[in-house]
Protein backbone atom coordinates (compact mmCIF):
# COMPACT_ATOMS: atom_id res chain seq x y z
CA SER A 1 5.22 -18.30 -19.43
CA ASN A 2 5.35 -15.23 -17.30
CA HIS A 3 4.41 -12.31 -18.61
CA ALA A 4 4.76 -8.83 -17.50
CA ALA A 5 1.03 -7.11 -17.34
CA SER A 6 0.50 -4.65 -20.58
CA PRO A 7 0.37 -0.92 -19.91
CA GLN A 8 -3.67 -1.38 -20.26
CA LEU A 9 -3.80 -3.31 -17.79
CA ARG A 10 -1.70 -1.81 -14.74
CA THR A 11 -3.45 1.39 -15.94
CA THR A 12 -6.92 0.04 -15.84
CA THR A 13 -6.28 -2.20 -12.46
CA ILE A 14 -3.80 1.34 -10.93
CA THR A 15 -7.72 3.48 -11.99
CA HIS A 16 -9.43 1.11 -10.06
CA ALA A 17 -7.51 1.19 -6.75
CA SER A 18 -7.70 4.93 -7.09
CA GLU A 19 -11.58 4.58 -7.46
CA THR A 20 -11.90 2.63 -4.50
CA THR A 21 -9.51 4.37 -2.54
CA SER A 22 -12.11 7.04 -2.79
CA SER A 23 -14.81 5.04 -1.71
CA TYR A 24 -13.67 3.70 0.78
CA ILE A 25 -12.66 7.94 2.19
CA GLU A 26 -16.45 8.80 1.26
CA LEU A 27 -17.37 6.03 3.24
CA ILE A 28 -15.04 6.13 6.07
CA GLN A 29 -16.53 10.59 6.12
CA LEU A 30 -19.73 9.67 5.89
CA ASP A 31 -19.78 6.80 9.36
CA VAL A 32 -17.80 9.20 11.28
CA SER A 33 -19.75 12.48 10.03
CA ARG A 34 -23.21 10.20 11.89
CA THR A 35 -21.39 8.93 14.75
CA PHE A 36 -19.71 11.64 16.36
CA PRO A 37 -21.06 15.20 15.10
CA GLN A 38 -20.33 17.17 17.99
CA LEU A 39 -16.03 16.41 16.77
CA GLY A 40 -17.55 18.19 13.87
CA LEU A 41 -14.69 16.58 11.91
CA PHE A 42 -15.30 17.05 7.97
CA GLN A 43 -18.25 19.24 8.57
CA GLN A 44 -17.19 22.78 7.57
CA ASN A 45 -14.68 24.69 9.86
CA GLY A 46 -13.92 21.07 11.10
CA PRO A 47 -10.21 19.53 10.99
CA TYR A 48 -11.07 17.52 8.12
CA HIS A 49 -13.51 19.18 5.96
CA GLY A 50 -11.05 19.63 2.23
CA MET A 51 -10.42 16.05 2.49
């Protein structure tokens, strides 16, 4: 049978995807800040500080 996912399941999936994306962004920011500190990309007054 071909049943559509329940609204609750879709919401959970979207929430999980959003949390996963947020986790990836945090890890990228941390890695870039540690690897290239001289660029100041995510540091205060840097071009991506508010992200």
